[in-house]
Amino acid sequence: MDDSGNGSRKILDRDSSTRVIGVMSGKGGVGKSTVAVNLAAAMKDQAKEVAILDADIYGFSIPTLMGASREELKPGRTEGVVVPPAPFGISCVSLGMFVEEGTPVIWRGPMLDGVLQQFLGDIDWGEPEVLVIDLPPGTGDVLLSLAQRLPRMEVVLVTTPHPAAQAIAGLAGAAVKKLKLPLRGVVENMSRFTCDSGEQHFLFGRGGGASLAAQFGVPLLASIPFVPFDAVDGTCAPPLAFSDPGSEAAGTYRDLASKLLEVGRPRVYHPGLALK
């Protein structure tokens, strides 16, 4: 395929200026996608050009969590090239934008690799400063494909304080290390809930995030409070940076974004996967 003039190829180029940050968890249900969306929004709020890719092919939820209508999330076309929608100024691509609502995806591994190649190489992303990737839970085909195509991808590991979530996130972290991807740190989600009286409740225990960070010798980047689900007629509220910027959780996401932006781009020494 002739890629002349196709800005999307630049994300895959080794000398691309776009930072790629993968948000990963060991298991579902820890709020990984919520963290990815709110991290992207917090970075956008800091005047960065930001894009988000939903690589959770079987369980895509980014379109819902963006708090935009299906019409607003419809991709466009320019000279035959797909242009991602940009709700709240964040370029966004998900398989959920291309399949009928309520349709499950039942694919084998090679098809996953093919759609990732199309998302990264055939869509006109432009030149965002940061691409946030919502990785699927676990350590399967998608992680392997992205590690091969984007060896500079930095990873943020999401867990809850619960010991079971921490243990499985540890397996995901070990996979990241084995693939020699830069593990930037741990985010502990749903760390506490503050009721109207101001009293804090630790719904899933305490310390899981700190223990996981210590296990890998990386920082605990953020402890995000539990945020009750907010929806109207089944539609999620926009990310906190836009819907509730004064909240404690929004402030925590801003701090998380600042920490990651201050760290700077990683050095990449390996040419490909390392599975020994």
C-alpha atoms as a PDB file:
ATOM      1  CA  MET A   1       0.000   0.000   0.000  1.00  0.00           C
ATOM      2  CA  ASP A   2       1.354   3.425  -0.931  1.00  0.00           C
ATOM      3  CA  ASP A   3       1.701   5.371   2.301  1.00  0.00           C
ATOM      4  CA  SER A   4       3.072   8.574   0.831  1.00  0.00           C
ATOM      5  CA  GLY A   5       1.441  11.516   2.538  1.00  0.00           C
ATOM      6  CA  ASN A   6      -0.253   9.255   5.073  1.00  0.00           C
ATOM      7  CA  GLY A   7       0.496  10.804   8.468  1.00  0.00           C
ATOM      8  CA  SER A   8      -0.691   7.690  10.287  1.00  0.00           C
ATOM      9  CA  ARG A   9       2.467   5.807   9.332  1.00  0.00           C
ATOM     10  CA  LYS A  10       4.498   8.141  11.515  1.00  0.00           C
ATOM     11  CA  ILE A  11       3.195   6.526  14.695  1.00  0.00           C
ATOM     12  CA  LEU A  12       4.737   3.228  13.580  1.00  0.00           C
ATOM     13  CA  ASP A  13       8.021   4.829  12.481  1.00  0.00           C
ATOM     14  CA  ARG A  14      10.891   4.250  14.866  1.00  0.00           C
ATOM     15  CA  ASP A  15      11.727   7.969  14.861  1.00  0.00           C
ATOM     16  CA  SER A  16       8.134   9.096  15.469  1.00  0.00           C
ATOM     17  CA  SER A  17       7.837  11.950  17.951  1.00  0.00           C
ATOM     18  CA  THR A  18       4.588  10.493  19.369  1.00  0.00           C
ATOM     19  CA  ARG A  19       4.913   9.040  22.853  1.00  0.00           C
ATOM     20  CA  VAL A  20       2.939   5.818  23.237  1.00  0.00           C
ATOM     21  CA  ILE A  21       1.583   4.959  26.687  1.00  0.00           C
ATOM     22  CA  GLY A  22      -0.170   1.620  27.147  1.00  0.00           C
ATOM     23  CA  VAL A  23      -2.570   1.247  30.067  1.00  0.00           C
ATOM     24  CA  MET A  24      -2.634  -2.379  31.174  1.00  0.00           C
ATOM     25  CA  SER A  25      -4.103  -4.640  33.846  1.00  0.00           C
ATOM     26  CA  GLY A  26      -3.869  -8.304  34.650  1.00  0.00           C
ATOM     27  CA  LYS A  27      -7.630  -8.797  34.849  1.00  0.00           C
ATOM     28  CA  GLY A  28     -10.843  -7.079  33.922  1.00  0.00           C
ATOM     29  CA  GLY A  29     -12.945  -5.081  36.351  1.00  0.00           C
ATOM     30  CA  VAL A  30     -10.201  -2.888  37.809  1.00  0.00           C
ATOM     31  CA  GLY A  31     -11.160   0.220  35.824  1.00  0.00           C
ATOM     32  CA  LYS A  32      -8.296   0.088  33.324  1.00  0.00           C
ATOM     33  CA  SER A  33     -10.318   1.661  30.494  1.00  0.00           C
ATOM     34  CA  THR A  34     -11.602   4.374  32.813  1.00  0.00           C
ATOM     35  CA  VAL A  35      -8.021   5.178  33.768  1.00  0.00           C
ATOM     36  CA  ALA A  36      -6.986   5.277  30.090  1.00  0.00           C
ATOM     37  CA  VAL A  37      -9.768   7.690  29.111  1.00  0.00           C
ATOM     38  CA  ASN A  38      -9.255   9.997  32.073  1.00  0.00           C
ATOM     39  CA  LEU A  39      -5.480   9.980  31.623  1.00  0.00           C
ATOM     40  CA  ALA A  40      -5.908  11.025  27.977  1.00  0.00           C
ATOM     41  CA  ALA A  41      -8.369  13.741  29.015  1.00  0.00           C
ATOM     42  CA  ALA A  42      -6.032  15.028  31.724  1.00  0.00           C
ATOM     43  CA  MET A  43      -3.197  15.241  29.212  1.00  0.00           C
ATOM     44  CA  LYS A  44      -5.449  17.066  26.763  1.00  0.00           C
ATOM     45  CA  ASP A  45      -6.395  19.443  29.561  1.00  0.00           C
ATOM     46  CA  GLN A  46      -2.694  20.299  29.814  1.00  0.00           C
ATOM     47  CA  ALA A  47      -2.715  21.565  26.203  1.00  0.00           C
ATOM     48  CA  LYS A  48      -1.288  18.397  24.702  1.00  0.00           C
ATOM     49  CA  GLU A  49      -2.305  16.876  21.374  1.00  0.00           C
ATOM     50  CA  VAL A  50      -3.609  13.509  22.513  1.00  0.00           C
ATOM     51  CA  ALA A  51      -5.097  10.440  20.843  1.00  0.00           C
ATOM     52  CA  ILE A  52      -6.491   7.234  22.332  1.00  0.00           C
ATOM     53  CA  LEU A  53      -6.608   3.781  20.755  1.00  0.00           C
ATOM     54  CA  ASP A  54      -8.944   1.121  22.110  1.00  0.00           C
ATOM     55  CA  ALA A  55      -6.913  -2.078  21.653  1.00  0.00           C
ATOM     56  CA  ASP A  56      -9.299  -4.083  23.844  1.00  0.00           C
ATOM     57  CA  ILE A  57     -10.798  -5.673  20.743  1.00  0.00           C
ATOM     58  CA  TYR A  58     -13.139  -8.127  22.484  1.00  0.00           C
ATOM     59  CA  GLY A  59     -14.247  -5.765  25.238  1.00  0.00           C
ATOM     60  CA  PHE A  60     -14.101  -2.316  23.664  1.00  0.00           C
ATOM     61  CA  SER A  61     -15.506   0.305  26.005  1.00  0.00           C
ATOM     62  CA  ILE A  62     -13.737   3.529  25.029  1.00  0.00           C
ATOM     63  CA  PRO A  63     -16.662   4.767  22.861  1.00  0.00           C
ATOM     64  CA  THR A  64     -18.976   4.501  25.870  1.00  0.00           C
ATOM     65  CA  LEU A  65     -16.520   6.015  28.333  1.00  0.00           C
ATOM     66  CA  MET A  66     -15.791   9.026  26.127  1.00  0.00           C
ATOM     67  CA  GLY A  67     -19.257  10.339  26.999  1.00  0.00           C
ATOM     68  CA  ALA A  68     -20.068  11.137  23.372  1.00  0.00           C
ATOM     69  CA  SER A  69     -22.942  10.007  21.160  1.00  0.00           C
ATOM     70  CA  ARG A  70     -22.522   7.332  18.508  1.00  0.00           C
ATOM     71  CA  GLU A  71     -22.986  10.031  15.871  1.00  0.00           C
ATOM     72  CA  GLU A  72     -20.163  12.097  17.379  1.00  0.00           C
ATOM     73  CA  LEU A  73     -17.936   9.021  17.297  1.00  0.00           C
ATOM     74  CA  LYS A  74     -18.446   8.288  13.616  1.00  0.00           C
ATOM     75  CA  PRO A  75     -15.086   8.217  11.748  1.00  0.00           C
ATOM     76  CA  GLY A  76     -14.659  10.469   8.718  1.00  0.00           C
ATOM     77  CA  ARG A  77     -12.788  10.068   5.441  1.00  0.00           C
ATOM     78  CA  THR A  78     -10.405  12.336   3.593  1.00  0.00           C
ATOM     79  CA  GLU A  79      -9.123  11.220   0.192  1.00  0.00           C
ATOM     80  CA  GLY A  80     -10.007   7.633   1.046  1.00  0.00           C
ATOM     81  CA  VAL A  81      -8.168   7.663   4.394  1.00  0.00           C
ATOM     82  CA  VAL A  82     -10.065   7.157   7.653  1.00  0.00           C
ATOM     83  CA  VAL A  83      -9.899  10.173   9.960  1.00  0.00           C
ATOM     84  CA  PRO A  84     -10.668   9.446  13.633  1.00  0.00           C
ATOM     85  CA  PRO A  85     -13.386  11.395  15.421  1.00  0.00           C
ATOM     86  CA  ALA A  86     -12.126  13.736  18.129  1.00  0.00           C
ATOM     87  CA  PRO A  87     -14.628  14.165  20.975  1.00  0.00           C
ATOM     88  CA  PHE A  88     -13.354  16.848  23.356  1.00  0.00           C
ATOM     89  CA  GLY A  89     -10.386  17.274  21.007  1.00  0.00           C
ATOM     90  CA  ILE A  90      -9.061  13.741  21.634  1.00  0.00           C
ATOM     91  CA  SER A  91      -8.612  11.651  18.472  1.00  0.00           C
ATOM     92  CA  CYS A  92     -10.212   8.301  19.223  1.00  0.00           C
ATOM     93  CA  VAL A  93     -10.350   4.935  17.461  1.00  0.00           C
ATOM     94  CA  SER A  94     -12.090   1.765  18.616  1.00  0.00           C
ATOM     95  CA  LEU A  95     -13.488  -1.285  16.882  1.00  0.00           C
ATOM     96  CA  GLY A  96     -16.756  -0.305  18.545  1.00  0.00           C
ATOM     97  CA  MET A  97     -17.012   2.489  15.978  1.00  0.00           C
ATOM     98  CA  PHE A  98     -16.941   0.047  13.080  1.00  0.00           C
ATOM     99  CA  VAL A  99     -19.281  -2.765  14.171  1.00  0.00           C
ATOM    100  CA  GLU A 100     -23.015  -2.846  14.737  1.00  0.00           C
ATOM    101  CA  GLU A 101     -24.011  -1.979  18.272  1.00  0.00           C
ATOM    102  CA  GLY A 102     -24.360  -5.126  20.376  1.00  0.00           C
ATOM    103  CA  THR A 103     -22.330  -7.263  17.943  1.00  0.00           C
ATOM    104  CA  PRO A 104     -19.669  -9.475  19.575  1.00  0.00           C
ATOM    105  CA  VAL A 105     -16.220  -9.900  18.023  1.00  0.00           C
ATOM    106  CA  ILE A 106     -15.281 -13.573  17.609  1.00  0.00           C
ATOM    107  CA  TRP A 107     -11.815 -13.606  16.064  1.00  0.00           C
ATOM    108  CA  ARG A 108      -8.637 -15.637  16.228  1.00  0.00           C
ATOM    109  CA  GLY A 109      -5.215 -14.116  16.898  1.00  0.00           C
ATOM    110  CA  PRO A 110      -4.140 -13.311  13.299  1.00  0.00           C
ATOM    111  CA  MET A 111      -7.265 -11.193  12.798  1.00  0.00           C
ATOM    112  CA  LEU A 112      -6.435  -9.205  15.928  1.00  0.00           C
ATOM    113  CA  ASP A 113      -2.982  -8.466  14.554  1.00  0.00           C
ATOM    114  CA  GLY A 114      -4.492  -7.381  11.248  1.00  0.00           C
ATOM    115  CA  VAL A 115      -6.913  -4.900  12.772  1.00  0.00           C
ATOM    116  CA  LEU A 116      -4.165  -3.437  14.985  1.00  0.00           C
ATOM    117  CA  GLN A 117      -2.021  -2.921  11.886  1.00  0.00           C
ATOM    118  CA  GLN A 118      -4.912  -1.094  10.236  1.00  0.00           C
ATOM    119  CA  PHE A 119      -5.627   1.028  13.291  1.00  0.00           C
ATOM    120  CA  LEU A 120      -1.985   2.066  13.653  1.00  0.00           C
ATOM    121  CA  GLY A 121      -0.901   2.231  10.036  1.00  0.00           C
ATOM    122  CA  ASP A 122      -3.920   2.997   7.871  1.00  0.00           C
ATOM    123  CA  ILE A 123      -5.731   5.638   9.919  1.00  0.00           C
ATOM    124  CA  ASP A 124      -4.710   9.274   9.669  1.00  0.00           C
ATOM    125  CA  TRP A 125      -3.843  10.057  13.271  1.00  0.00           C
ATOM    126  CA  GLY A 126      -1.852  13.120  12.344  1.00  0.00           C
ATOM    127  CA  GLU A 127       1.057  13.686  14.730  1.00  0.00           C
ATOM    128  CA  PRO A 128      -0.270  13.581  18.297  1.00  0.00           C
ATOM    129  CA  GLU A 129       2.189  14.256  21.094  1.00  0.00           C
ATOM    130  CA  VAL A 130       0.817  11.303  23.053  1.00  0.00           C
ATOM    131  CA  LEU A 131      -1.067   8.162  22.009  1.00  0.00           C
ATOM    132  CA  VAL A 132      -2.736   6.388  24.946  1.00  0.00           C
ATOM    133  CA  ILE A 133      -3.527   2.731  24.242  1.00  0.00           C
ATOM    134  CA  ASP A 134      -6.156   0.883  26.260  1.00  0.00           C
ATOM    135  CA  LEU A 135      -4.686  -2.626  26.309  1.00  0.00           C
ATOM    136  CA  PRO A 136      -6.869  -5.693  26.899  1.00  0.00           C
ATOM    137  CA  PRO A 137      -6.531  -7.450  30.244  1.00  0.00           C
ATOM    138  CA  GLY A 138      -4.021 -10.262  30.376  1.00  0.00           C
ATOM    139  CA  THR A 139      -0.912 -11.050  28.338  1.00  0.00           C
ATOM    140  CA  GLY A 140      -2.182 -12.372  25.014  1.00  0.00           C
ATOM    141  CA  ASP A 141      -1.883 -11.660  21.299  1.00  0.00           C
ATOM    142  CA  VAL A 142      -2.561  -7.919  21.415  1.00  0.00           C
ATOM    143  CA  LEU A 143       0.272  -7.229  23.857  1.00  0.00           C
ATOM    144  CA  LEU A 144       2.673  -9.295  21.738  1.00  0.00           C
ATOM    145  CA  SER A 145       1.644  -7.532  18.526  1.00  0.00           C
ATOM    146  CA  LEU A 146       1.983  -4.060  20.021  1.00  0.00           C
ATOM    147  CA  ALA A 147       5.323  -4.873  21.664  1.00  0.00           C
ATOM    148  CA  GLN A 148       6.622  -5.899  18.255  1.00  0.00           C
ATOM    149  CA  ARG A 149       5.193  -2.940  16.334  1.00  0.00           C
ATOM    150  CA  LEU A 150       5.767  -0.306  19.041  1.00  0.00           C
ATOM    151  CA  PRO A 151       8.843  -1.320  21.087  1.00  0.00           C
ATOM    152  CA  ARG A 152       8.925   2.215  22.539  1.00  0.00           C
ATOM    153  CA  MET A 153       5.487   1.748  24.146  1.00  0.00           C
ATOM    154  CA  GLU A 154       5.592   2.711  27.817  1.00  0.00           C
ATOM    155  CA  VAL A 155       3.289   0.809  30.152  1.00  0.00           C
ATOM    156  CA  VAL A 156       1.264   1.895  33.162  1.00  0.00           C
ATOM    157  CA  LEU A 157      -0.025  -1.000  35.245  1.00  0.00           C
ATOM    158  CA  VAL A 158      -3.486  -0.651  36.817  1.00  0.00           C
ATOM    159  CA  THR A 159      -4.657  -2.592  39.857  1.00  0.00           C
ATOM    160  CA  THR A 160      -7.058  -2.198  42.746  1.00  0.00           C
ATOM    161  CA  PRO A 161      -5.899  -2.610  46.359  1.00  0.00           C
ATOM    162  CA  HIS A 162      -7.399  -6.116  46.438  1.00  0.00           C
ATOM    163  CA  PRO A 163      -4.810  -8.921  46.796  1.00  0.00           C
ATOM    164  CA  ALA A 164      -6.301 -10.955  43.928  1.00  0.00           C
ATOM    165  CA  ALA A 165      -6.099  -8.001  41.525  1.00  0.00           C
ATOM    166  CA  GLN A 166      -2.575  -7.230  42.706  1.00  0.00           C
ATOM    167  CA  ALA A 167      -1.413 -10.829  42.164  1.00  0.00           C
ATOM    168  CA  ILE A 168      -2.761 -11.009  38.614  1.00  0.00           C
ATOM    169  CA  ALA A 169      -1.433  -7.539  37.787  1.00  0.00           C
ATOM    170  CA  GLY A 170       1.927  -8.904  38.898  1.00  0.00           C
ATOM    171  CA  LEU A 171       1.778 -11.445  36.079  1.00  0.00           C
ATOM    172  CA  ALA A 172       1.045  -8.644  33.603  1.00  0.00           C
ATOM    173  CA  GLY A 173       3.981  -6.662  34.964  1.00  0.00           C
ATOM    174  CA  ALA A 174       6.268  -9.668  34.605  1.00  0.00           C
ATOM    175  CA  ALA A 175       5.198  -9.985  30.961  1.00  0.00           C
ATOM    176  CA  VAL A 176       5.998  -6.304  30.362  1.00  0.00           C
ATOM    177  CA  LYS A 177       9.464  -6.802  31.838  1.00  0.00           C
ATOM    178  CA  LYS A 178      10.030  -9.943  29.766  1.00  0.00           C
ATOM    179  CA  LEU A 179       9.144  -8.059  26.603  1.00  0.00           C
ATOM    180  CA  LYS A 180      11.563  -5.295  27.680  1.00  0.00           C
ATOM    181  CA  LEU A 181       8.925  -2.585  27.489  1.00  0.00           C
ATOM    182  CA  PRO A 182       9.425   0.421  29.792  1.00  0.00           C
ATOM    183  CA  LEU A 183       7.213  -0.044  32.876  1.00  0.00           C
ATOM    184  CA  ARG A 184       6.590   3.490  34.109  1.00  0.00           C
ATOM    185  CA  GLY A 185       4.709   2.698  37.285  1.00  0.00           C
ATOM    186  CA  VAL A 186       1.529   1.543  38.974  1.00  0.00           C
ATOM    187  CA  VAL A 187      -1.868   3.175  39.289  1.00  0.00           C
ATOM    188  CA  GLU A 188      -4.055   1.965  42.154  1.00  0.00           C
ATOM    189  CA  ASN A 189      -7.670   2.500  41.137  1.00  0.00           C
ATOM    190  CA  MET A 190     -10.695   2.497  43.459  1.00  0.00           C
ATOM    191  CA  SER A 191      -8.329   2.999  46.369  1.00  0.00           C
ATOM    192  CA  ARG A 192     -10.909   4.563  48.698  1.00  0.00           C
ATOM    193  CA  PHE A 193     -14.415   5.970  48.844  1.00  0.00           C
ATOM    194  CA  THR A 194     -15.248   9.169  50.689  1.00  0.00           C
ATOM    195  CA  CYS A 195     -18.850   9.435  51.840  1.00  0.00           C
ATOM    196  CA  ASP A 196     -20.788  12.676  52.299  1.00  0.00           C
ATOM    197  CA  SER A 197     -19.661  12.938  55.924  1.00  0.00           C
ATOM    198  CA  GLY A 198     -16.029  12.955  54.822  1.00  0.00           C
ATOM    199  CA  GLU A 199     -15.293   9.522  56.252  1.00  0.00           C
ATOM    200  CA  GLN A 200     -13.083   7.336  54.044  1.00  0.00           C
ATOM    201  CA  HIS A 201     -13.874   3.690  53.341  1.00  0.00           C
ATOM    202  CA  PHE A 202     -11.366   1.253  51.851  1.00  0.00           C
ATOM    203  CA  LEU A 203     -13.705  -0.978  49.875  1.00  0.00           C
ATOM    204  CA  PHE A 204     -11.068  -3.298  48.429  1.00  0.00           C
ATOM    205  CA  GLY A 205      -8.458  -3.264  51.176  1.00  0.00           C
ATOM    206  CA  ARG A 206      -5.282  -1.205  51.353  1.00  0.00           C
ATOM    207  CA  GLY A 207      -1.742  -1.303  50.056  1.00  0.00           C
ATOM    208  CA  GLY A 208      -2.096  -3.377  46.900  1.00  0.00           C
ATOM    209  CA  GLY A 209      -0.795  -0.674  44.608  1.00  0.00           C
ATOM    210  CA  ALA A 210       2.210   0.143  46.785  1.00  0.00           C
ATOM    211  CA  SER A 211       3.105  -3.545  47.090  1.00  0.00           C
ATOM    212  CA  LEU A 212       2.889  -4.034  43.329  1.00  0.00           C
ATOM    213  CA  ALA A 213       5.054  -0.973  42.682  1.00  0.00           C
ATOM    214  CA  ALA A 214       7.656  -2.229  45.167  1.00  0.00           C
ATOM    215  CA  GLN A 215       7.629  -5.651  43.499  1.00  0.00           C
ATOM    216  CA  PHE A 216       8.872  -4.113  40.245  1.00  0.00           C
ATOM    217  CA  GLY A 217      10.886  -1.245  41.678  1.00  0.00           C
ATOM    218  CA  VAL A 218       8.704   1.405  40.029  1.00  0.00           C
ATOM    219  CA  PRO A 219       6.755   4.324  41.521  1.00  0.00           C
ATOM    220  CA  LEU A 220       3.158   4.243  42.657  1.00  0.00           C
ATOM    221  CA  LEU A 221       2.042   6.980  40.276  1.00  0.00           C
ATOM    222  CA  ALA A 222      -1.459   7.540  41.638  1.00  0.00           C
ATOM    223  CA  SER A 223      -4.071   6.264  44.085  1.00  0.00           C
ATOM    224  CA  ILE A 224      -7.376   7.122  42.460  1.00  0.00           C
ATOM    225  CA  PRO A 225     -10.511   7.273  44.610  1.00  0.00           C
ATOM    226  CA  PHE A 226     -13.616   5.288  43.804  1.00  0.00           C
ATOM    227  CA  VAL A 227     -15.908   7.358  41.588  1.00  0.00           C
ATOM    228  CA  PRO A 228     -19.584   6.294  41.455  1.00  0.00           C
ATOM    229  CA  PHE A 229     -20.857   5.575  37.959  1.00  0.00           C
ATOM    230  CA  ASP A 230     -22.498   8.622  36.414  1.00  0.00           C
ATOM    231  CA  ALA A 231     -24.807   8.126  33.431  1.00  0.00           C
ATOM    232  CA  VAL A 232     -27.880   9.672  31.891  1.00  0.00           C
ATOM    233  CA  ASP A 233     -30.093   7.443  29.709  1.00  0.00           C
ATOM    234  CA  GLY A 234     -27.279   4.888  29.542  1.00  0.00           C
ATOM    235  CA  THR A 235     -24.710   7.418  28.325  1.00  0.00           C
ATOM    236  CA  CYS A 236     -21.620   7.962  30.465  1.00  0.00           C
ATOM    237  CA  ALA A 237     -20.640  11.411  31.587  1.00  0.00           C
ATOM    238  CA  PRO A 238     -17.607  12.872  29.785  1.00  0.00           C
ATOM    239  CA  PRO A 239     -14.145  12.273  31.304  1.00  0.00           C
ATOM    240  CA  LEU A 240     -13.606  13.997  34.652  1.00  0.00           C
ATOM    241  CA  ALA A 241     -11.304  16.667  33.226  1.00  0.00           C
ATOM    242  CA  PHE A 242     -14.355  18.010  31.395  1.00  0.00           C
ATOM    243  CA  SER A 243     -17.343  16.910  33.494  1.00  0.00           C
ATOM    244  CA  ASP A 244     -16.038  17.430  37.053  1.00  0.00           C
ATOM    245  CA  PRO A 245     -12.634  19.174  36.924  1.00  0.00           C
ATOM    246  CA  GLY A 246     -12.773  20.254  40.563  1.00  0.00           C
ATOM    247  CA  SER A 247     -13.185  16.746  41.963  1.00  0.00           C
ATOM    248  CA  GLU A 248     -10.515  14.883  43.906  1.00  0.00           C
ATOM    249  CA  ALA A 249     -10.325  12.201  41.217  1.00  0.00           C
ATOM    250  CA  ALA A 250      -9.850  14.762  38.421  1.00  0.00           C
ATOM    251  CA  GLY A 251      -7.007  16.327  40.387  1.00  0.00           C
ATOM    252  CA  THR A 252      -5.403  12.913  40.845  1.00  0.00           C
ATOM    253  CA  TYR A 253      -5.559  12.282  37.099  1.00  0.00           C
ATOM    254  CA  ARG A 254      -3.964  15.678  36.432  1.00  0.00           C
ATOM    255  CA  ASP A 255      -1.115  14.763  38.777  1.00  0.00           C
ATOM    256  CA  LEU A 256      -0.761  11.377  37.049  1.00  0.00           C
ATOM    257  CA  ALA A 257      -0.598  13.031  33.629  1.00  0.00           C
ATOM    258  CA  SER A 258       1.990  15.535  34.861  1.00  0.00           C
ATOM    259  CA  LYS A 259       4.211  12.787  36.296  1.00  0.00           C
ATOM    260  CA  LEU A 260       4.168  10.824  33.057  1.00  0.00           C
ATOM    261  CA  LEU A 261       4.814  13.888  30.913  1.00  0.00           C
ATOM    262  CA  GLU A 262       7.725  14.949  33.136  1.00  0.00           C
ATOM    263  CA  VAL A 263       9.406  11.551  32.843  1.00  0.00           C
ATOM    264  CA  GLY A 264      10.035  12.043  29.122  1.00  0.00           C
ATOM    265  CA  ARG A 265      10.470   9.531  26.331  1.00  0.00           C
ATOM    266  CA  PRO A 266      12.155   6.192  27.037  1.00  0.00           C
ATOM    267  CA  ARG A 267      15.267   4.882  25.363  1.00  0.00           C
ATOM    268  CA  VAL A 268      14.663   1.730  23.349  1.00  0.00           C
ATOM    269  CA  TYR A 269      17.562  -0.660  22.909  1.00  0.00           C
ATOM    270  CA  HIS A 270      15.939  -3.855  21.695  1.00  0.00           C
ATOM    271  CA  PRO A 271      15.023  -4.381  18.029  1.00  0.00           C
ATOM    272  CA  GLY A 272      12.088  -6.662  18.687  1.00  0.00           C
ATOM    273  CA  LEU A 273      10.518  -9.091  21.105  1.00  0.00           C
ATOM    274  CA  ALA A 274      12.510 -10.869  23.784  1.00  0.00           C
ATOM    275  CA  LEU A 275      10.765 -14.047  24.870  1.00  0.00           C
ATOM    276  CA  LYS A 276      13.636 -16.006  26.380  1.00  0.00           C
END
